[in-house]
């Protein structure tokens, strides 16, 4: 029995920051502008 994968299309924007400090500022700015579904990624 093969399971069917249900894919929900999503769209995203990635902002590459030069430092953790800049990442925090960008995150807070986007929150202030009303963006609710924000993710923080560090690699």
N, C-alpha and C. Protein backbone atom coordinates (compact mmCIF):
# COMPACT_ATOMS: atom_id res chain seq x y z
N UNK A 1 0.84 -1.17 0.00
CA UNK A 1 0.00 0.00 0.00
C UNK A 1 0.89 1.25 0.00
N UNK A 2 0.74 2.10 -0.99
CA UNK A 2 1.54 3.29 -1.13
C UNK A 2 0.82 4.47 -0.48
N UNK A 3 1.52 5.20 0.40
CA UNK A 3 0.95 6.38 1.03
C UNK A 3 1.12 7.58 0.10
N UNK A 4 0.09 8.39 0.01
CA UNK A 4 0.14 9.58 -0.82
C UNK A 4 0.63 10.76 0.01
N UNK A 5 1.59 11.48 -0.51
CA UNK A 5 2.13 12.66 0.17
C UNK A 5 1.32 13.87 -0.24
N UNK A 6 0.78 14.58 0.74
CA UNK A 6 0.01 15.79 0.45
C UNK A 6 0.92 16.99 0.66
N UNK A 7 1.17 17.72 -0.41
CA UNK A 7 2.07 18.87 -0.39
C UNK A 7 1.27 20.15 -0.42
N UNK A 8 1.55 21.05 0.52
CA UNK A 8 0.93 22.36 0.55
C UNK A 8 1.98 23.38 0.11
N UNK A 9 1.75 24.03 -0.99
CA UNK A 9 2.71 25.01 -1.50
C UNK A 9 2.85 26.16 -0.51
N UNK A 10 4.10 26.57 -0.27
CA UNK A 10 4.40 27.68 0.62
C UNK A 10 5.42 28.58 -0.07
N UNK A 11 5.46 29.82 0.36
CA UNK A 11 6.41 30.78 -0.19
C UNK A 11 7.18 31.42 0.96
N UNK A 12 8.46 31.69 0.76
CA UNK A 12 9.28 32.24 1.84
C UNK A 12 10.32 33.19 1.28
N UNK A 13 10.87 33.97 2.18
CA UNK A 13 11.97 34.88 1.86
C UNK A 13 13.09 34.59 2.85
N UNK A 14 14.30 34.47 2.36
CA UNK A 14 15.46 34.27 3.23
C UNK A 14 16.30 35.54 3.19
N UNK A 15 16.63 36.04 4.38
CA UNK A 15 17.47 37.23 4.48
C UNK A 15 18.80 36.80 5.08
N UNK A 16 19.88 36.96 4.34
CA UNK A 16 21.20 36.59 4.82
C UNK A 16 21.81 37.78 5.56
N UNK A 17 22.08 37.61 6.85
CA UNK A 17 22.59 38.69 7.68
C UNK A 17 24.08 38.53 7.92
N UNK A 18 24.76 39.64 8.18
CA UNK A 18 26.21 39.60 8.36
C UNK A 18 26.61 39.27 9.79
N UNK A 19 25.64 39.33 10.73
CA UNK A 19 25.96 39.02 12.13
C UNK A 19 24.69 38.64 12.88
N UNK A 20 24.88 38.08 14.08
CA UNK A 20 23.75 37.74 14.92
C UNK A 20 22.98 39.00 15.32
N UNK A 21 23.71 40.08 15.56
CA UNK A 21 23.07 41.36 15.92
C UNK A 21 22.14 41.84 14.81
N UNK A 22 22.64 41.78 13.56
CA UNK A 22 21.80 42.19 12.43
C UNK A 22 20.60 41.26 12.29
N UNK A 23 20.80 39.96 12.53
CA UNK A 23 19.70 39.00 12.46
C UNK A 23 18.60 39.37 13.45
N UNK A 24 18.98 39.73 14.66
CA UNK A 24 18.00 40.13 15.67
C UNK A 24 17.25 41.39 15.25
N UNK A 25 17.98 42.37 14.69
CA UNK A 25 17.35 43.62 14.26
C UNK A 25 16.35 43.37 13.13
N UNK A 26 16.73 42.55 12.17
CA UNK A 26 15.85 42.24 11.05
C UNK A 26 14.62 41.49 11.55
N UNK A 27 14.82 40.53 12.44
CA UNK A 27 13.71 39.76 13.00
C UNK A 27 12.72 40.69 13.70
N UNK A 28 13.22 41.57 14.55
CA UNK A 28 12.36 42.49 15.29
C UNK A 28 11.63 43.45 14.36
N UNK A 29 12.31 43.92 13.34
CA UNK A 29 11.70 44.83 12.36
C UNK A 29 10.54 44.15 11.64
N UNK A 30 10.74 42.90 11.22
CA UNK A 30 9.68 42.17 10.54
C UNK A 30 8.50 41.91 11.46
N UNK A 31 8.78 41.61 12.74
CA UNK A 31 7.70 41.43 13.72
C UNK A 31 6.90 42.71 13.86
N UNK A 32 7.59 43.85 13.95
CA UNK A 32 6.93 45.15 14.07
C UNK A 32 6.03 45.43 12.87
N UNK A 33 6.45 44.95 11.71
CA UNK A 33 5.69 45.17 10.48
C UNK A 33 4.51 44.20 10.34
N UNK A 34 4.34 43.30 11.31
CA UNK A 34 3.18 42.43 11.32
C UNK A 34 3.38 41.03 10.80
N UNK A 35 4.62 40.65 10.50
CA UNK A 35 4.87 39.28 10.06
C UNK A 35 4.86 38.37 11.28
N UNK A 36 4.03 37.33 11.24
CA UNK A 36 3.84 36.47 12.41
C UNK A 36 4.54 35.13 12.31
N UNK A 37 4.71 34.60 11.14
CA UNK A 37 5.25 33.25 10.98
C UNK A 37 6.73 33.32 10.62
N UNK A 38 7.53 33.85 11.56
CA UNK A 38 8.96 34.02 11.31
C UNK A 38 9.74 32.85 11.88
N UNK A 39 10.79 32.47 11.18
CA UNK A 39 11.69 31.40 11.62
C UNK A 39 13.12 31.96 11.65
N UNK A 40 13.86 31.61 12.67
CA UNK A 40 15.27 32.02 12.76
C UNK A 40 16.12 30.79 12.51
N UNK A 41 17.08 30.93 11.59
CA UNK A 41 17.96 29.83 11.22
C UNK A 41 19.41 30.31 11.30
N UNK A 42 20.24 29.54 11.96
CA UNK A 42 21.67 29.82 12.01
C UNK A 42 22.40 28.58 11.53
N UNK A 43 23.31 28.78 10.56
CA UNK A 43 24.08 27.65 10.04
C UNK A 43 25.54 28.00 9.99
